[in-house]
């Protein structure tokens, strides 16, 4: 049973990754991101997920430094954006990200979106960064099964993580199975459907049984599936509420009800059809 906000899973390269964290997509640089990260760390979070695209790496780094928490006790993810993909440009982008974070290393560095052959070149850079010990693990984001099937034969180091949109309306069962078979840890972004879980009758009803919100039920469901989850919020009470999921366990029947909500419906861009 997952019982602790600091609980970790072991990735395919032996690194340990917390099962729960804070996402900062669309958190404004400056006080908004700094406060969100500070509140999360105060609430016991040890996992923060940012990206070059988010333009808030400096703010994440500042909040981490001011927290007084030792760097080695935290897990920090960032990502290379599409316009920086390619071997040399990725090496530079990684240096830029570490410079903004003011950190010596990242715990996880991801390719943000699949870009075919360009991502193969990008991966060579990630493998080099990993071999230098400047990131503890490397992985991908928004890669579906066909992307991975084309990508994996070119990898000397297998991706440790695949971060994708994942929630009750988008359960990606084929991808879940593929990642499980290949030892790739699945991680959910938009795990509470950008707040829309609060409108889902079944989640409301399940929550009433446990004295939990629909968001808490959804986060717990993802954790019990073995999917790492990083709900985003900039409100302190929501950050605290999202973390209050370690004192209950959903029944098999409840898990089945949530499984029945699958709609193959996205709140973000389709990895098979995006233009950036």
Protein backbone atom coordinates (compact mmCIF):
# COMPACT_ATOMS: atom_id res chain seq x y z
CA UNK A 1 0.00 0.00 0.00
CA UNK A 2 1.19 3.51 -0.80
CA UNK A 3 1.17 5.20 2.58
CA UNK A 4 3.63 8.11 2.42
CA UNK A 5 4.08 11.29 0.37
CA UNK A 6 7.80 10.47 0.22
CA UNK A 7 7.29 6.92 -1.03
CA UNK A 8 9.39 6.05 -4.08
CA UNK A 9 9.54 3.53 -6.88
CA UNK A 10 12.75 2.12 -8.31
CA UNK A 11 13.26 3.01 -11.96
CA UNK A 12 14.81 0.68 -14.52
CA UNK A 13 18.29 2.17 -13.93
CA UNK A 14 18.10 1.75 -10.15
CA UNK A 15 17.24 5.39 -9.36
CA UNK A 16 14.43 6.05 -6.89
CA UNK A 17 11.60 8.39 -7.93
CA UNK A 18 8.85 9.71 -5.63
CA UNK A 19 5.39 8.52 -6.64
CA UNK A 20 3.82 11.92 -6.05
CA UNK A 21 4.87 15.49 -6.78
CA UNK A 22 3.96 19.01 -7.83
CA UNK A 23 3.68 20.08 -11.46
CA UNK A 24 4.27 23.74 -12.31
CA UNK A 25 2.97 23.96 -15.90
CA UNK A 26 1.47 27.46 -16.45
CA UNK A 27 2.63 28.62 -13.01
CA UNK A 28 3.85 32.17 -13.52
CA UNK A 29 7.55 32.81 -12.92
CA UNK A 30 8.24 34.74 -9.75
CA UNK A 31 6.11 34.71 -6.64
CA UNK A 32 3.38 32.43 -8.00
CA UNK A 33 5.77 29.54 -8.71
CA UNK A 34 7.99 30.31 -5.73
CA UNK A 35 5.02 30.22 -3.36
CA UNK A 36 3.58 27.03 -4.90
CA UNK A 37 6.88 25.20 -4.59
CA UNK A 38 7.47 26.52 -1.07
CA UNK A 39 4.01 25.46 0.06
CA UNK A 40 4.49 22.04 -1.50
CA UNK A 41 7.82 21.51 0.22
CA UNK A 42 6.30 22.63 3.54
CA UNK A 43 3.52 20.06 3.01
CA UNK A 44 6.07 17.28 2.59
CA UNK A 45 6.38 17.10 -1.20
CA UNK A 46 9.87 16.12 -2.35
CA UNK A 47 9.22 15.93 -6.12
CA UNK A 48 8.90 19.02 -8.35
CA UNK A 49 8.31 18.83 -12.11
CA UNK A 50 9.24 21.76 -14.36
CA UNK A 51 10.43 22.26 -17.95
CA UNK A 52 12.29 24.77 -20.11
CA UNK A 53 8.96 25.61 -21.79
CA UNK A 54 7.39 26.64 -18.49
CA UNK A 55 9.81 29.58 -18.08
CA UNK A 56 9.84 29.08 -14.32
CA UNK A 57 12.95 26.98 -13.68
CA UNK A 58 14.63 29.94 -11.95
CA UNK A 59 11.66 30.29 -9.61
CA UNK A 60 11.66 26.57 -8.82
CA UNK A 61 15.37 26.72 -8.03
CA UNK A 62 14.96 29.77 -5.82
CA UNK A 63 12.16 28.17 -3.78
CA UNK A 64 14.20 25.00 -3.35
CA UNK A 65 17.24 26.92 -2.14
CA UNK A 66 15.21 29.03 0.28
CA UNK A 67 13.47 25.94 1.69
CA UNK A 68 16.65 24.85 3.45
CA UNK A 69 16.00 21.25 2.34
CA UNK A 70 19.11 19.43 1.16
CA UNK A 71 19.22 19.05 -2.62
CA UNK A 72 19.82 15.30 -2.37
CA UNK A 73 16.54 14.91 -0.48
CA UNK A 74 14.53 16.28 -3.42
CA UNK A 75 13.66 15.01 -6.88
CA UNK A 76 13.68 17.65 -9.63
CA UNK A 77 12.55 17.00 -13.20
CA UNK A 78 12.98 19.28 -16.19
CA UNK A 79 12.57 18.83 -19.95
CA UNK A 80 14.09 19.83 -23.27
CA UNK A 81 11.70 21.80 -25.48
CA UNK A 82 11.07 20.94 -29.13
CA UNK A 83 12.93 23.93 -30.58
CA UNK A 84 16.05 22.77 -28.70
CA UNK A 85 15.88 19.15 -29.82
CA UNK A 86 18.96 17.81 -31.60
CA UNK A 87 22.29 16.67 -30.20
CA UNK A 88 24.30 19.87 -29.69
CA UNK A 89 21.28 22.07 -28.98
CA UNK A 90 20.05 19.67 -26.30
CA UNK A 91 23.41 19.71 -24.54
CA UNK A 92 23.21 23.50 -24.46
CA UNK A 93 19.55 23.47 -23.37
CA UNK A 94 20.40 21.18 -20.46
CA UNK A 95 23.20 23.50 -19.37
CA UNK A 96 20.77 26.41 -19.59
CA UNK A 97 18.20 24.59 -17.47
CA UNK A 98 20.72 23.71 -14.77
CA UNK A 99 21.93 27.31 -14.82
CA UNK A 100 18.40 28.62 -14.28
CA UNK A 101 17.74 26.07 -11.54
CA UNK A 102 21.19 26.79 -10.08
CA UNK A 103 21.67 23.08 -9.54
CA UNK A 104 24.56 20.75 -10.33
CA UNK A 105 22.29 18.00 -11.60
CA UNK A 106 18.71 17.05 -12.42
CA UNK A 107 17.10 13.90 -11.10
CA UNK A 108 15.19 13.35 -14.34
CA UNK A 109 15.56 14.94 -17.78
CA UNK A 110 12.87 14.31 -20.39
CA UNK A 111 12.30 14.85 -24.11
CA UNK A 112 9.14 16.93 -23.95
CA UNK A 113 7.41 15.75 -27.16
CA UNK A 114 8.18 13.10 -29.81
CA UNK A 115 9.85 14.54 -32.91
CA UNK A 116 10.78 11.42 -34.85
CA UNK A 117 14.41 11.23 -36.01
CA UNK A 118 15.19 14.51 -34.26
CA UNK A 119 14.32 12.90 -30.93
CA UNK A 120 16.77 10.08 -31.69
CA UNK A 121 19.53 12.69 -31.96
CA UNK A 122 18.23 14.37 -28.81
CA UNK A 123 18.36 11.06 -26.98
CA UNK A 124 22.06 10.69 -27.78
CA UNK A 125 22.60 13.94 -25.88
CA UNK A 126 20.49 12.70 -22.96
CA UNK A 127 22.50 9.48 -22.86
CA UNK A 128 25.72 11.53 -22.71
CA UNK A 129 24.37 13.76 -19.95
CA UNK A 130 23.32 10.65 -18.03
CA UNK A 131 26.71 9.00 -18.48
CA UNK A 132 28.32 12.10 -16.97
CA UNK A 133 26.12 11.80 -13.89
CA UNK A 134 24.54 15.19 -14.51
CA UNK A 135 21.08 13.63 -14.43
CA UNK A 136 20.17 10.52 -12.48
CA UNK A 137 17.62 9.30 -15.02
CA UNK A 138 16.44 10.14 -18.52
CA UNK A 139 13.10 9.63 -20.18
CA UNK A 140 10.46 10.89 -22.55
CA UNK A 141 7.12 12.67 -22.41
CA UNK A 142 4.03 12.34 -24.58
CA UNK A 143 5.34 9.24 -26.37
CA UNK A 144 2.60 6.82 -27.39
CA UNK A 145 3.18 3.13 -28.24
CA UNK A 146 4.06 3.70 -31.90
CA UNK A 147 6.51 6.47 -30.95
CA UNK A 148 8.20 4.16 -28.47
CA UNK A 149 8.32 1.26 -30.92
CA UNK A 150 10.17 3.44 -33.41
CA UNK A 151 12.37 5.06 -30.77
CA UNK A 152 13.52 2.22 -28.51
CA UNK A 153 15.69 0.37 -31.08
CA UNK A 154 17.93 3.46 -31.23
CA UNK A 155 18.43 3.68 -27.47
CA UNK A 156 21.54 2.44 -25.69
CA UNK A 157 19.90 3.51 -22.44
CA UNK A 158 16.21 2.68 -22.18
CA UNK A 159 13.94 5.57 -21.10
CA UNK A 160 13.23 5.29 -17.39
CA UNK A 161 10.00 7.31 -17.47
CA UNK A 162 7.25 8.27 -19.92
CA UNK A 163 5.23 11.27 -18.75
CA UNK A 164 1.88 11.57 -20.53
CA UNK A 165 -1.59 13.01 -20.11
CA UNK A 166 -3.38 10.41 -18.00
CA UNK A 167 -6.60 10.53 -16.01
CA UNK A 168 -9.98 8.74 -15.70
CA UNK A 169 -11.09 9.91 -19.17
CA UNK A 170 -7.76 8.93 -20.79
CA UNK A 171 -6.46 5.66 -19.38
CA UNK A 172 -4.14 4.59 -22.22
CA UNK A 173 -4.37 0.90 -21.42
CA UNK A 174 -2.24 -0.19 -24.40
CA UNK A 175 0.47 2.27 -23.34
CA UNK A 176 0.21 1.16 -19.71
CA UNK A 177 0.81 -2.43 -20.78
CA UNK A 178 3.64 -1.54 -23.18
CA UNK A 179 5.47 0.52 -20.57
CA UNK A 180 5.00 -2.14 -17.91
CA UNK A 181 6.37 -4.82 -20.24
CA UNK A 182 9.36 -2.67 -21.16
CA UNK A 183 10.16 -1.50 -17.65
CA UNK A 184 9.28 2.15 -18.34
CA UNK A 185 7.59 4.01 -15.48
CA UNK A 186 4.39 5.81 -16.50
CA UNK A 187 3.83 9.29 -15.07
CA UNK A 188 0.63 11.35 -15.33
CA UNK A 189 0.30 15.01 -16.26
CA UNK A 190 -3.14 16.65 -16.05
CA UNK A 191 -3.94 13.83 -13.58
CA UNK A 192 -7.07 15.54 -12.26
CA UNK A 193 -8.28 16.62 -15.72
CA UNK A 194 -7.40 20.27 -15.08
CA UNK A 195 -9.92 20.26 -12.24
CA UNK A 196 -12.76 18.67 -14.20
CA UNK A 197 -12.78 15.56 -11.99
CA UNK A 198 -14.90 17.65 -9.60
CA UNK A 199 -17.75 17.39 -12.12
CA UNK A 200 -17.73 13.58 -12.44
CA UNK A 201 -20.66 12.02 -10.58
CA UNK A 202 -18.97 8.67 -9.98
CA UNK A 203 -15.88 10.31 -8.47
CA UNK A 204 -18.04 12.50 -6.26
CA UNK A 205 -19.95 9.43 -5.00
CA UNK A 206 -16.78 7.44 -4.32
CA UNK A 207 -15.31 10.43 -2.51
CA UNK A 208 -18.33 10.68 -0.24
CA UNK A 209 -17.67 7.13 1.02
CA UNK A 210 -14.15 8.02 2.11
CA UNK A 211 -14.64 11.66 3.06
CA UNK A 212 -12.45 12.68 0.13
CA UNK A 213 -12.75 15.03 -2.83
CA UNK A 214 -13.00 13.78 -6.43
CA UNK A 215 -9.43 15.03 -6.97
CA UNK A 216 -8.16 13.03 -4.00
CA UNK A 217 -9.99 9.92 -5.22
CA UNK A 218 -8.46 10.34 -8.69
CA UNK A 219 -4.94 10.84 -7.39
CA UNK A 220 -5.33 7.78 -5.17
CA UNK A 221 -6.59 5.75 -8.15
CA UNK A 222 -3.52 6.68 -10.18
CA UNK A 223 -1.16 5.82 -7.35
CA UNK A 224 -2.82 2.43 -6.87
CA UNK A 225 -2.41 1.78 -10.60
CA UNK A 226 1.32 2.36 -10.18
CA UNK A 227 1.26 5.63 -12.13
CA UNK A 228 3.35 8.50 -10.73
CA UNK A 229 1.21 11.62 -10.48
CA UNK A 230 2.09 15.34 -10.36
CA UNK A 231 -1.06 17.45 -9.89
CA UNK A 232 -0.56 21.16 -10.51
CA UNK A 233 -1.88 23.92 -8.28
CA UNK A 234 -0.80 27.39 -7.18
CA UNK A 235 -3.25 27.53 -4.26
CA UNK A 236 -1.95 26.44 -0.87
CA UNK A 237 -5.13 24.70 0.24
CA UNK A 238 -5.25 22.70 -3.01
CA UNK A 239 -1.59 21.77 -2.75
CA UNK A 240 -2.25 20.48 0.76
CA UNK A 241 -5.50 18.80 -0.25
CA UNK A 242 -3.90 17.00 -3.21
CA UNK A 243 -1.33 15.50 -0.85
CA UNK A 244 -3.97 14.18 1.57
CA UNK A 245 -4.30 10.85 -0.19
CA UNK A 246 -2.14 8.55 1.89
CA UNK A 247 -4.60 7.62 4.63
CA UNK A 248 -7.09 5.57 2.60
CA UNK A 249 -7.19 2.91 -0.08
CA UNK A 250 -9.77 2.47 -2.83
CA UNK A 251 -11.53 -0.87 -3.00
CA UNK A 252 -11.34 -3.10 -6.07
CA UNK A 253 -14.95 -2.18 -6.82
CA UNK A 254 -14.12 1.53 -6.72
CA UNK A 255 -11.12 0.98 -8.99
CA UNK A 256 -13.40 -0.79 -11.47
CA UNK A 257 -15.92 2.07 -11.43
CA UNK A 258 -13.14 4.54 -12.27
CA UNK A 259 -11.84 2.19 -14.98
CA UNK A 260 -15.30 2.36 -16.58
CA UNK A 261 -14.99 6.13 -17.04
CA UNK A 262 -12.56 5.78 -19.98
CA UNK A 263 -13.54 8.05 -22.89
CA UNK A 264 -10.25 8.40 -24.80
CA UNK A 265 -10.73 12.12 -24.19
CA UNK A 266 -7.90 14.65 -23.88
CA UNK A 267 -7.61 18.04 -22.20
CA UNK A 268 -4.20 18.69 -23.80
CA UNK A 269 -2.65 18.24 -27.23
CA UNK A 270 -2.68 14.93 -29.08
CA UNK A 271 0.84 13.45 -29.40
CA UNK A 272 -0.16 12.28 -32.88
CA UNK A 273 -1.30 15.73 -33.97
CA UNK A 274 0.53 18.76 -32.62
CA UNK A 275 2.23 21.65 -34.37
CA UNK A 276 5.00 22.80 -32.05
